[in-house]
């Protein structure tokens, strides 16, 4: 039978706060352009050297079970914000840790916890609305990347080039650079591309490149494999009467038909090899792009294809044994173009309005949208050593996700400035809140925590003057005016390009209120007995709190 400990009173919650503050201490050290790397070693092959707040926070732990609970609560907030904003771990950690601290202090004073939570929720809702009203559309991809990578010029330039070349609906993916000098670079492609090509060299038209290159072909798309050509003869005759080749895209082709297809002027191209659901989506995307429909099987061909207008069209299709590239999609006639635009808008709506999708599913849909919109950029990350490459990859992930969330949610002035202005707004409106005195304490706790990220950042460069500078920022009338760490003075941060994805501030406040609100209403903890638990036996309150152990 497992021994249980029932811990009550304020002592367990103070120990949880100690765990939360451990996360804050190590994560905050990475804040801003003058932040430092952290070396993480988990008995693996090699240590990780990074300034990525999410990675640092994920590695924090404690042998003390109560501290471990606090660390897990903090990680929950960080993880949720990171999944929405892709960055902002340091800002989130500093804000939520300080809010935890103030709420734990108020909790120990035996103030009505329900009233504290009312104040917390009222303030948080007001702040989120404030951010929503002040956010602006992203103007510069590089500006957002510079903040998220702590001023890394190389990564910021790469992602600026990538997104500038493909647009907001484009997709940016990352891959290794195998250049010996360790350099990184960007490759962009338009049209549609997939890993699946001609099944045999019988279809090669250019022996120098081992590819088949077809201009202005007609296209058939099948959901299932093609076993014979009998049902394609009529359609091929239609294509030949127009002086064009027929391209057939399907999951597989019986080898026995390869030679006869090639001699008949039919080019067989394998669709991407993936599971049924993904294949259905990819084939539907391809078919709508070239202006045709996915046919269930060859026996249904004549039901779907009445005239050449029912066939797909493309300017150029290039295919090798392992890859297909539709480099230029033809202009569609009005009816097909309208159907295509409606299809793309439906996919955009699925991405924008469904908050329940996992990151993997969301990324897959974004990738489909990018390919439909004709823009895919690959950022090749180069480095001379594994340690350097890993560090760059963390920066690249931050840059990519921050730009994506800024495109979706807009931007706010960085450096903790937006939070400072929100704190001032709360202090100015507390009398209008109609909250009880105890609820107002929770309201003020949010205002106090909102000031901390800016304090940390300014203190890192002006340790003697940071309090005065922060007060100056608070009283700046222009919302965008804040402290520019690089210039070491107060400037218009929007003009200087010091901006964050608005998702960071919005979700840091939302998820902190959610977790800390539940924390506030908790009065006891039940956990398995732990022989490593350290309790000062001379501390009567602590002994009583931990069930007399």
Protein backbone atom coordinates (compact mmCIF):
# COMPACT_ATOMS: atom_id res chain seq x y z
CA UNK A 1 0.00 0.00 0.00
CA UNK A 2 1.36 3.39 -0.99
CA UNK A 3 1.84 5.90 1.80
CA UNK A 4 0.27 9.26 1.08
CA UNK A 5 1.06 12.70 2.41
CA UNK A 6 -1.74 15.23 2.77
CA UNK A 7 -0.21 18.69 2.94
CA UNK A 8 -2.32 21.67 3.95
CA UNK A 9 -1.84 25.35 4.75
CA UNK A 10 0.50 27.79 3.07
CA UNK A 11 3.79 25.88 3.35
CA UNK A 12 3.30 23.52 0.38
CA UNK A 13 2.38 26.46 -1.84
CA UNK A 14 5.47 28.39 -0.78
CA UNK A 15 7.59 25.41 -1.83
CA UNK A 16 5.75 25.28 -5.16
CA UNK A 17 6.63 28.95 -5.61
CA UNK A 18 10.29 28.09 -4.99
CA UNK A 19 10.09 25.66 -7.93
CA UNK A 20 8.43 28.27 -10.13
CA UNK A 21 11.12 30.80 -9.26
CA UNK A 22 13.83 28.28 -10.20
CA UNK A 23 12.38 28.20 -13.70
CA UNK A 24 12.24 32.00 -13.79
CA UNK A 25 15.83 32.43 -12.65
CA UNK A 26 17.39 30.23 -15.31
CA UNK A 27 15.05 31.29 -18.15
CA UNK A 28 15.36 35.02 -17.39
CA UNK A 29 19.12 34.80 -17.84
CA UNK A 30 18.51 34.33 -21.58
CA UNK A 31 16.37 37.47 -21.94
CA UNK A 32 17.13 40.07 -24.58
CA UNK A 33 20.11 40.78 -26.81
CA UNK A 34 22.44 40.71 -23.82
CA UNK A 35 21.04 37.43 -22.53
CA UNK A 36 23.24 34.37 -22.07
CA UNK A 37 23.22 30.79 -23.29
CA UNK A 38 22.47 27.91 -20.96
CA UNK A 39 24.29 24.58 -21.19
CA UNK A 40 21.94 21.63 -20.74
CA UNK A 41 23.26 18.11 -20.22
CA UNK A 42 20.83 15.26 -19.65
CA UNK A 43 23.33 12.38 -19.79
CA UNK A 44 23.03 12.35 -23.55
CA UNK A 45 25.70 12.15 -26.22
CA UNK A 46 26.59 15.82 -26.01
CA UNK A 47 25.38 18.92 -24.11
CA UNK A 48 22.94 21.40 -25.63
CA UNK A 49 24.01 25.05 -25.68
CA UNK A 50 21.01 27.30 -26.21
CA UNK A 51 19.28 30.57 -25.45
CA UNK A 52 15.87 29.11 -26.34
CA UNK A 53 13.64 29.72 -23.32
CA UNK A 54 11.27 26.84 -24.03
CA UNK A 55 14.13 24.34 -24.21
CA UNK A 56 15.71 25.72 -21.04
CA UNK A 57 12.44 25.62 -19.10
CA UNK A 58 11.73 22.05 -20.23
CA UNK A 59 15.00 20.90 -18.63
CA UNK A 60 14.32 22.33 -15.15
CA UNK A 61 13.35 19.81 -12.46
CA UNK A 62 13.58 19.30 -8.70
CA UNK A 63 13.88 16.32 -6.37
CA UNK A 64 11.49 18.05 -3.96
CA UNK A 65 7.95 16.98 -4.92
CA UNK A 66 6.32 20.31 -4.06
CA UNK A 67 8.89 22.28 -6.01
CA UNK A 68 8.37 19.81 -8.87
CA UNK A 69 4.63 20.58 -8.83
CA UNK A 70 5.36 24.29 -9.11
CA UNK A 71 7.77 23.66 -11.97
CA UNK A 72 5.13 21.61 -13.79
CA UNK A 73 2.51 24.35 -13.36
CA UNK A 74 4.92 26.89 -14.82
CA UNK A 75 5.79 24.56 -17.68
CA UNK A 76 2.09 24.14 -18.47
CA UNK A 77 1.72 27.88 -19.03
CA UNK A 78 4.94 28.08 -21.04
CA UNK A 79 3.97 25.12 -23.22
CA UNK A 80 0.53 26.53 -24.04
CA UNK A 81 1.92 29.95 -24.97
CA UNK A 82 4.67 28.37 -27.05
CA UNK A 83 2.15 26.25 -28.96
CA UNK A 84 0.19 29.39 -29.89
CA UNK A 85 2.95 31.96 -30.37
CA UNK A 86 5.96 29.75 -31.12
CA UNK A 87 8.10 31.98 -28.89
CA UNK A 88 7.83 34.28 -25.88
CA UNK A 89 8.87 31.77 -23.23
CA UNK A 90 11.03 34.28 -21.35
CA UNK A 91 8.35 36.99 -21.26
CA UNK A 92 5.74 34.42 -20.23
CA UNK A 93 7.94 32.96 -17.51
CA UNK A 94 8.79 36.31 -15.93
CA UNK A 95 5.18 37.51 -16.01
CA UNK A 96 3.59 34.31 -14.72
CA UNK A 97 6.25 33.67 -12.06
CA UNK A 98 5.76 37.12 -10.59
CA UNK A 99 1.99 36.71 -10.71
CA UNK A 100 2.34 33.35 -8.93
CA UNK A 101 4.53 35.04 -6.32
CA UNK A 102 2.09 37.86 -5.59
CA UNK A 103 -0.90 35.53 -5.49
CA UNK A 104 0.93 33.16 -3.12
CA UNK A 105 1.66 36.11 -0.83
CA UNK A 106 -1.98 37.22 -0.86
CA UNK A 107 -3.10 33.62 -0.34
CA UNK A 108 -0.94 33.38 2.80
CA UNK A 109 -2.73 36.44 4.20
CA UNK A 110 -5.98 34.40 4.10
CA UNK A 111 -7.67 36.81 1.72
CA UNK A 112 -10.81 35.38 0.08
CA UNK A 113 -9.42 33.32 -2.78
CA UNK A 114 -12.61 33.51 -4.84
CA UNK A 115 -12.42 37.30 -4.73
CA UNK A 116 -8.75 37.25 -5.68
CA UNK A 117 -9.61 35.10 -8.67
CA UNK A 118 -12.37 37.51 -9.70
CA UNK A 119 -9.85 40.33 -9.72
CA UNK A 120 -7.33 38.19 -11.61
CA UNK A 121 -9.86 37.28 -14.30
CA UNK A 122 -11.28 40.81 -14.60
CA UNK A 123 -7.81 42.31 -15.06
CA UNK A 124 -6.69 39.60 -17.48
CA UNK A 125 -9.75 40.02 -19.69
CA UNK A 126 -9.25 43.78 -19.74
CA UNK A 127 -5.58 43.40 -20.69
CA UNK A 128 -6.29 40.94 -23.51
CA UNK A 129 -8.87 43.35 -24.93
CA UNK A 130 -6.31 46.17 -24.61
CA UNK A 131 -3.74 44.18 -26.60
CA UNK A 132 -6.31 43.28 -29.25
CA UNK A 133 -7.17 46.95 -29.70
CA UNK A 134 -3.53 48.06 -30.02
CA UNK A 135 -1.99 45.30 -32.14
CA UNK A 136 -1.03 46.10 -35.74
CA UNK A 137 -0.41 44.00 -38.88
CA UNK A 138 3.14 42.77 -39.40
CA UNK A 139 5.20 45.07 -41.63
CA UNK A 140 8.63 43.48 -41.52
CA UNK A 141 9.42 39.78 -41.21
CA UNK A 142 13.00 40.61 -40.29
CA UNK A 143 11.97 42.80 -37.35
CA UNK A 144 9.98 39.97 -35.76
CA UNK A 145 12.79 37.48 -36.41
CA UNK A 146 15.41 39.82 -34.91
CA UNK A 147 13.52 39.99 -31.61
CA UNK A 148 12.74 36.27 -31.44
CA UNK A 149 16.38 35.31 -32.18
CA UNK A 150 17.85 37.87 -29.77
CA UNK A 151 19.29 39.90 -32.63
CA UNK A 152 20.76 37.10 -34.73
CA UNK A 153 21.35 38.82 -38.07
CA UNK A 154 22.02 35.65 -40.07
CA UNK A 155 18.81 33.84 -39.07
CA UNK A 156 16.72 37.00 -39.38
CA UNK A 157 17.96 37.67 -42.91
CA UNK A 158 17.31 34.08 -43.96
CA UNK A 159 13.70 34.10 -42.79
CA UNK A 160 13.09 37.60 -44.11
CA UNK A 161 14.23 36.38 -47.53
CA UNK A 162 12.16 33.20 -47.25
CA UNK A 163 8.87 34.90 -46.31
CA UNK A 164 9.41 37.86 -48.63
CA UNK A 165 9.74 35.47 -51.56
CA UNK A 166 6.63 33.38 -50.87
CA UNK A 167 4.18 35.71 -49.11
CA UNK A 168 1.99 35.22 -46.05
CA UNK A 169 0.27 32.08 -47.36
CA UNK A 170 3.59 30.46 -48.14
CA UNK A 171 5.26 27.68 -46.21
CA UNK A 172 8.78 27.79 -44.80
CA UNK A 173 10.50 24.52 -43.97
CA UNK A 174 13.97 23.83 -42.61
CA UNK A 175 16.65 21.41 -43.76
CA UNK A 176 20.36 20.79 -43.35
CA UNK A 177 22.94 22.65 -45.38
CA UNK A 178 25.72 20.36 -46.48
CA UNK A 179 28.06 23.13 -47.58
CA UNK A 180 31.53 22.56 -46.20
CA UNK A 181 31.95 26.18 -45.16
CA UNK A 182 28.95 25.87 -42.81
CA UNK A 183 26.93 28.54 -44.61
CA UNK A 184 23.14 28.71 -44.62
CA UNK A 185 20.93 29.59 -47.58
CA UNK A 186 17.33 29.77 -48.83
CA UNK A 187 15.74 27.91 -51.76
CA UNK A 188 12.30 28.81 -53.06
CA UNK A 189 10.00 26.90 -55.38
CA UNK A 190 6.67 27.66 -56.99
CA UNK A 191 3.95 25.40 -58.26
CA UNK A 192 3.47 21.88 -56.93
CA UNK A 193 6.17 19.38 -56.06
CA UNK A 194 6.12 15.90 -54.56
CA UNK A 195 8.24 12.80 -53.99
CA UNK A 196 6.79 10.51 -56.60
CA UNK A 197 7.58 10.44 -60.29
CA UNK A 198 7.61 8.33 -63.44
CA UNK A 199 7.67 4.59 -62.67
CA UNK A 200 10.20 3.76 -65.40
CA UNK A 201 12.87 5.36 -67.59
CA UNK A 202 10.61 4.44 -70.53
CA UNK A 203 8.97 7.84 -70.00
CA UNK A 204 12.18 9.93 -70.00
CA UNK A 205 12.20 12.59 -72.71
CA UNK A 206 15.48 14.28 -71.75
CA UNK A 207 18.32 11.79 -71.30
CA UNK A 208 20.71 14.53 -70.16
CA UNK A 209 18.60 15.17 -67.05
CA UNK A 210 16.86 11.77 -66.82
CA UNK A 211 13.52 13.54 -66.78
CA UNK A 212 10.35 13.79 -68.76
CA UNK A 213 9.38 17.38 -69.47
CA UNK A 214 5.92 17.98 -70.94
CA UNK A 215 4.52 21.33 -72.02
CA UNK A 216 0.77 22.03 -71.99
CA UNK A 217 -0.33 18.46 -71.25
CA UNK A 218 -3.81 17.32 -70.28
CA UNK A 219 -4.05 15.67 -66.87
CA UNK A 220 -6.07 12.83 -65.30
CA UNK A 221 -5.98 12.20 -61.53
CA UNK A 222 -7.04 8.85 -60.02
CA UNK A 223 -7.61 7.97 -56.36
CA UNK A 224 -6.70 4.30 -56.94
CA UNK A 225 -4.15 2.40 -58.99
CA UNK A 226 -4.26 1.93 -62.76
CA UNK A 227 -4.14 -1.71 -63.90
CA UNK A 228 -4.93 -1.36 -67.62
CA UNK A 229 -5.32 1.35 -70.26
CA UNK A 230 -8.61 0.27 -71.80
CA UNK A 231 -10.68 2.97 -70.08
CA UNK A 232 -8.09 5.65 -70.93
CA UNK A 233 -8.10 5.11 -74.69
CA UNK A 234 -10.99 7.49 -75.41
CA UNK A 235 -9.48 10.26 -73.27
CA UNK A 236 -6.05 9.78 -74.86
CA UNK A 237 -7.67 10.11 -78.29
CA UNK A 238 -9.21 13.43 -77.16
CA UNK A 239 -5.78 14.67 -76.04
CA UNK A 240 -4.07 13.56 -79.25
CA UNK A 241 -6.76 15.28 -81.35
CA UNK A 242 -5.64 18.51 -79.64
CA UNK A 243 -1.99 17.66 -80.26
CA UNK A 244 -1.24 17.21 -76.56
CA UNK A 245 0.20 14.56 -74.25
CA UNK A 246 -1.89 12.94 -71.55
CA UNK A 247 -0.46 12.78 -68.02
CA UNK A 248 -2.00 10.27 -65.62
CA UNK A 249 -1.38 10.70 -61.87
CA UNK A 250 -2.27 7.74 -59.61
CA UNK A 251 -0.97 5.91 -56.49
CA UNK A 252 0.47 3.04 -58.58
CA UNK A 253 0.56 1.51 -62.05
CA UNK A 254 0.78 -2.16 -63.02
CA UNK A 255 4.23 -2.75 -64.61
CA UNK A 256 2.63 -4.57 -67.51
CA UNK A 257 1.10 -1.30 -68.83
CA UNK A 258 4.26 0.85 -68.68
CA UNK A 259 5.55 0.09 -72.17
CA UNK A 260 2.16 0.40 -73.90
CA UNK A 261 1.46 3.68 -72.09
CA UNK A 262 4.79 5.15 -73.18
CA UNK A 263 4.28 4.07 -76.79
CA UNK A 264 0.76 5.58 -76.75
CA UNK A 265 2.04 8.98 -75.60
CA UNK A 266 0.63 8.60 -72.08
CA UNK A 267 2.95 9.69 -69.25
CA UNK A 268 2.38 7.84 -65.99
CA UNK A 269 3.30 9.68 -62.77
CA UNK A 270 3.14 8.23 -59.27
CA UNK A 271 1.30 10.30 -56.67
CA UNK A 272 3.00 10.92 -53.28
CA UNK A 273 3.33 7.75 -51.19
CA UNK A 274 1.47 8.40 -47.92
CA UNK A 275 -1.46 7.19 -45.85
CA UNK A 276 -4.95 7.19 -47.33
CA UNK A 277 -6.23 10.35 -45.61
CA UNK A 278 -3.19 12.45 -46.51
CA UNK A 279 -3.16 11.10 -50.08
CA UNK A 280 -6.81 12.02 -50.54
CA UNK A 281 -6.06 15.60 -49.48
CA UNK A 282 -2.94 15.92 -51.65
CA UNK A 283 -4.69 14.52 -54.73
CA UNK A 284 -7.66 16.84 -54.16
CA UNK A 285 -5.28 19.80 -53.84
CA UNK A 286 -3.47 18.86 -57.05
CA UNK A 287 -6.69 18.23 -59.00
CA UNK A 288 -8.30 21.55 -58.05
CA UNK A 289 -5.06 23.38 -58.89
CA UNK A 290 -4.91 22.01 -62.42
CA UNK A 291 -8.68 22.34 -62.92
CA UNK A 292 -10.00 18.78 -62.78
CA UNK A 293 -11.44 16.27 -60.29
CA UNK A 294 -10.11 13.17 -58.58
CA UNK A 295 -11.59 10.12 -60.35
CA UNK A 296 -12.23 7.12 -58.01
CA UNK A 297 -10.92 4.52 -60.50
CA UNK A 298 -10.39 3.99 -64.23
CA UNK A 299 -13.84 2.46 -64.76
CA UNK A 300 -15.35 5.85 -63.79
CA UNK A 301 -13.28 7.80 -66.34
CA UNK A 302 -16.00 8.33 -68.93
CA UNK A 303 -18.44 9.49 -66.23
CA UNK A 304 -16.07 12.27 -65.16
CA UNK A 305 -14.48 13.22 -68.48
CA UNK A 306 -16.96 14.25 -71.17
CA UNK A 307 -14.83 16.78 -73.06
CA UNK A 308 -11.26 18.11 -72.92
CA UNK A 309 -12.57 20.89 -70.67
CA UNK A 310 -12.95 18.29 -67.90
CA UNK A 311 -9.24 17.47 -68.03
CA UNK A 312 -6.61 19.21 -65.94
CA UNK A 313 -4.11 21.58 -67.55
CA UNK A 314 -0.61 22.83 -66.74
CA UNK A 315 2.03 24.72 -68.67
CA UNK A 316 4.98 22.55 -67.66
CA UNK A 317 5.27 19.22 -65.84
CA UNK A 318 8.75 17.86 -65.11
CA UNK A 319 9.19 14.41 -63.60
CA UNK A 320 12.06 12.07 -62.80
CA UNK A 321 11.99 8.59 -61.28
CA UNK A 322 11.62 10.02 -57.77
CA UNK A 323 10.15 13.51 -58.06
CA UNK A 324 7.50 15.56 -59.86
CA UNK A 325 7.44 19.34 -60.25
CA UNK A 326 4.52 21.24 -61.76
CA UNK A 327 6.53 24.40 -62.28
CA UNK A 328 3.86 26.53 -63.90
CA UNK A 329 0.17 25.98 -63.34
CA UNK A 330 -1.91 27.16 -66.28
CA UNK A 331 -4.50 29.93 -66.00
CA UNK A 332 -7.88 28.35 -65.38
CA UNK A 333 -11.10 29.30 -67.12
CA UNK A 334 -13.49 31.36 -64.99
CA UNK A 335 -15.60 28.52 -63.57
CA UNK A 336 -12.58 26.46 -62.55
CA UNK A 337 -10.78 29.52 -61.17
CA UNK A 338 -13.80 30.33 -58.99
CA UNK A 339 -13.89 26.76 -57.67
CA UNK A 340 -10.15 26.93 -56.94
CA UNK A 341 -10.44 30.19 -54.97
CA UNK A 342 -13.38 28.80 -52.96
CA UNK A 343 -11.32 25.69 -52.16
CA UNK A 344 -8.36 27.78 -50.95
CA UNK A 345 -10.62 30.02 -48.83
CA UNK A 346 -12.18 26.95 -47.20
CA UNK A 347 -8.73 25.65 -46.24
CA UNK A 348 -7.76 29.10 -44.85
CA UNK A 349 -10.94 29.09 -42.75
CA UNK A 350 -10.10 25.64 -41.35
CA UNK A 351 -6.70 26.98 -40.26
CA UNK A 352 -7.90 30.29 -38.82
CA UNK A 353 -11.03 29.15 -37.02
CA UNK A 354 -10.17 25.74 -35.59
CA UNK A 355 -8.23 26.20 -32.35
CA UNK A 356 -8.48 22.51 -31.46
CA UNK A 357 -6.12 21.31 -34.17
CA UNK A 358 -2.80 19.91 -33.01
CA UNK A 359 0.37 21.67 -34.15
CA UNK A 360 1.19 18.76 -36.52
CA UNK A 361 -2.24 18.88 -38.17
CA UNK A 362 -2.12 22.68 -38.33
CA UNK A 363 1.35 22.61 -39.89
CA UNK A 364 0.17 20.05 -42.46
CA UNK A 365 -2.77 22.26 -43.44
CA UNK A 366 -0.51 25.31 -43.66
CA UNK A 367 1.84 23.35 -45.88
CA UNK A 368 -1.08 22.42 -48.16
CA UNK A 369 -2.19 26.05 -48.30
CA UNK A 370 1.33 27.14 -49.18
CA UNK A 371 1.57 24.66 -52.02
CA UNK A 372 -1.84 25.69 -53.30
CA UNK A 373 -0.73 29.31 -53.14
CA UNK A 374 2.42 28.42 -55.02
CA UNK A 375 5.08 29.31 -52.47
CA UNK A 376 7.46 27.03 -50.55
CA UNK A 377 10.80 28.20 -49.16
CA UNK A 378 13.41 25.90 -47.65
CA UNK A 379 15.87 27.43 -45.20
CA UNK A 380 19.03 25.29 -45.20
CA UNK A 381 20.77 25.60 -41.83
CA UNK A 382 24.55 25.35 -41.99
CA UNK A 383 27.13 25.04 -39.22
CA UNK A 384 30.66 23.76 -38.64
CA UNK A 385 29.90 21.72 -35.52
CA UNK A 386 26.87 19.86 -34.07
CA UNK A 387 26.73 22.33 -31.17
CA UNK A 388 26.58 25.33 -33.50
CA UNK A 389 23.99 23.66 -35.70
CA UNK A 390 21.74 22.83 -32.73
CA UNK A 391 21.95 26.41 -31.46
CA UNK A 392 21.06 27.75 -34.92
CA UNK A 393 18.16 25.33 -35.26
CA UNK A 394 16.60 26.62 -32.03
CA UNK A 395 16.93 30.19 -33.29
CA UNK A 396 15.47 29.20 -36.65
CA UNK A 397 12.45 27.54 -35.01
CA UNK A 398 11.83 30.67 -32.95
CA UNK A 399 12.09 32.93 -35.98
CA UNK A 400 9.79 30.78 -38.09
CA UNK A 401 7.07 30.33 -35.47
CA UNK A 402 7.22 33.99 -34.39
CA UNK A 403 6.71 35.21 -37.96
CA UNK A 404 3.84 32.76 -38.45
CA UNK A 405 2.07 33.90 -35.30
CA UNK A 406 2.73 37.58 -36.12
CA UNK A 407 1.11 37.06 -39.52
CA UNK A 408 -1.93 35.58 -37.79
CA UNK A 409 -2.19 37.78 -34.67
CA UNK A 410 -0.35 40.99 -35.55
CA UNK A 411 2.42 42.70 -33.56
CA UNK A 412 2.89 44.83 -30.44
CA UNK A 413 5.88 46.93 -29.35
CA UNK A 414 8.53 44.69 -27.77
CA UNK A 415 10.78 44.97 -24.76
CA UNK A 416 7.86 44.46 -22.36
CA UNK A 417 6.50 47.85 -23.45
CA UNK A 418 3.00 46.64 -24.33
CA UNK A 419 2.73 44.98 -20.93
CA UNK A 420 3.93 48.14 -19.18
CA UNK A 421 1.27 50.20 -20.95
CA UNK A 422 -1.33 47.59 -20.03
CA UNK A 423 -0.25 47.83 -16.37
CA UNK A 424 -0.75 51.59 -16.48
CA UNK A 425 -4.20 51.09 -18.02
CA UNK A 426 -5.19 48.73 -15.19
CA UNK A 427 -4.01 51.15 -12.52
CA UNK A 428 -5.97 53.97 -14.14
CA UNK A 429 -9.19 51.94 -14.36
CA UNK A 430 -9.26 50.08 -11.04
CA UNK A 431 -11.71 52.55 -9.50
CA UNK A 432 -14.11 51.91 -12.37
CA UNK A 433 -13.93 48.14 -11.96
CA UNK A 434 -16.70 47.85 -9.32
CA UNK A 435 -14.69 45.10 -7.64
CA UNK A 436 -14.53 44.39 -3.92
CA UNK A 437 -11.41 45.45 -2.03
CA UNK A 438 -10.15 41.85 -2.00
CA UNK A 439 -10.81 41.41 -5.73
CA UNK A 440 -8.94 44.65 -6.36
CA UNK A 441 -5.87 43.05 -4.77
CA UNK A 442 -5.98 40.36 -7.49
CA UNK A 443 -6.48 43.09 -10.08
CA UNK A 444 -3.43 44.99 -8.83
CA UNK A 445 -1.38 41.78 -8.76
CA UNK A 446 -1.84 41.48 -12.54
CA UNK A 447 -0.74 45.09 -13.00
CA UNK A 448 2.35 44.49 -10.89
CA UNK A 449 3.33 41.31 -12.79
CA UNK A 450 2.89 43.06 -16.14
CA UNK A 451 5.72 45.47 -15.25
CA UNK A 452 8.30 42.77 -14.61
CA UNK A 453 9.44 41.75 -18.16
CA UNK A 454 10.37 45.37 -18.96
CA UNK A 455 12.14 45.72 -15.62
CA UNK A 456 14.24 42.61 -16.28
CA UNK A 457 15.18 43.77 -19.76
CA UNK A 458 16.09 47.35 -18.85
CA UNK A 459 17.96 46.21 -15.73
CA UNK A 460 20.13 43.92 -17.88
CA UNK A 461 21.64 47.00 -19.59
CA UNK A 462 21.03 49.76 -17.03
CA UNK A 463 21.30 48.10 -13.60
CA UNK A 464 21.56 51.42 -11.75
CA UNK A 465 18.90 53.41 -13.60
CA UNK A 466 16.32 50.81 -14.62
CA UNK A 467 13.62 51.88 -12.15
CA UNK A 468 13.71 55.48 -13.35
CA UNK A 469 13.70 54.39 -17.01
CA UNK A 470 10.74 52.05 -16.49
CA UNK A 471 8.76 54.88 -14.91
CA UNK A 472 9.59 57.06 -17.92
CA UNK A 473 8.24 54.38 -20.29
CA UNK A 474 5.05 53.99 -18.24
CA UNK A 475 4.30 57.70 -18.58
CA UNK A 476 5.09 57.94 -22.31
CA UNK A 477 1.87 59.00 -24.06
CA UNK A 478 2.65 57.23 -27.34
CA UNK A 479 1.79 53.51 -27.05
CA UNK A 480 4.75 52.50 -29.25
CA UNK A 481 7.35 54.43 -27.21
CA UNK A 482 9.57 52.16 -25.14
CA UNK A 483 13.16 51.39 -24.24
CA UNK A 484 15.33 50.33 -27.17
CA UNK A 485 18.00 48.13 -25.59
CA UNK A 486 20.33 48.38 -28.57
CA UNK A 487 20.21 52.17 -28.70
CA UNK A 488 19.95 52.40 -24.89
CA UNK A 489 17.27 55.07 -25.00
CA UNK A 490 13.51 55.50 -25.28
CA UNK A 491 12.39 55.48 -28.92
CA UNK A 492 9.37 54.65 -31.07
CA UNK A 493 9.79 50.88 -31.09
CA UNK A 494 7.47 50.35 -34.04
CA UNK A 495 9.62 52.61 -36.22
CA UNK A 496 12.78 50.95 -34.92
CA UNK A 497 11.38 47.49 -35.69
CA UNK A 498 11.38 46.32 -32.06
CA UNK A 499 8.13 44.35 -32.17
CA UNK A 500 6.80 41.02 -30.84
CA UNK A 501 4.05 38.80 -32.11
CA UNK A 502 0.94 39.96 -30.24
CA UNK A 503 0.23 36.28 -29.54
CA UNK A 504 2.99 36.26 -26.91
CA UNK A 505 1.41 38.90 -24.67
CA UNK A 506 -2.18 37.81 -25.34
CA UNK A 507 -1.67 34.14 -24.53
CA UNK A 508 0.79 34.75 -21.69
CA UNK A 509 -1.97 36.66 -19.90
CA UNK A 510 -4.74 34.23 -20.85
CA UNK A 511 -3.01 31.01 -19.85
CA UNK A 512 -1.45 32.48 -16.71
CA UNK A 513 -4.92 33.49 -15.52
CA UNK A 514 -6.23 30.00 -16.26
CA UNK A 515 -3.54 28.07 -14.35
CA UNK A 516 -3.04 30.55 -11.50
CA UNK A 517 -6.80 30.87 -11.00
CA UNK A 518 -7.02 27.14 -10.30
CA UNK A 519 -3.90 27.33 -8.13
CA UNK A 520 -5.51 30.07 -6.03
CA UNK A 521 -8.51 27.93 -5.11
CA UNK A 522 -6.37 25.00 -3.92
CA UNK A 523 -5.83 24.50 -0.19
CA UNK A 524 -4.19 21.09 0.09
CA UNK A 525 -1.94 18.69 -1.78
CA UNK A 526 -2.02 14.88 -1.83
CA UNK A 527 1.06 13.03 -3.01
CA UNK A 528 3.03 9.86 -2.42
CA UNK A 529 5.38 9.82 0.55
CA UNK A 530 8.88 10.80 -0.51
CA UNK A 531 11.86 9.96 1.69
CA UNK A 532 13.85 12.74 0.01
CA UNK A 533 11.41 15.41 1.19
CA UNK A 534 13.23 17.89 3.35
CA UNK A 535 11.31 19.41 6.25
CA UNK A 536 12.74 21.46 9.09
CA UNK A 537 11.52 19.54 12.15
CA UNK A 538 11.95 22.69 14.26
CA UNK A 539 9.42 24.51 12.04
CA UNK A 540 6.07 23.70 13.74
CA UNK A 541 3.97 25.07 10.90
CA UNK A 542 5.87 23.06 8.32
CA UNK A 543 5.56 19.83 10.33
CA UNK A 544 1.82 20.39 10.75
CA UNK A 545 1.43 21.27 7.08
CA UNK A 546 3.05 18.04 5.96
CA UNK A 547 0.83 15.78 7.99
CA UNK A 548 3.16 15.40 10.96
CA UNK A 549 5.90 13.61 9.03
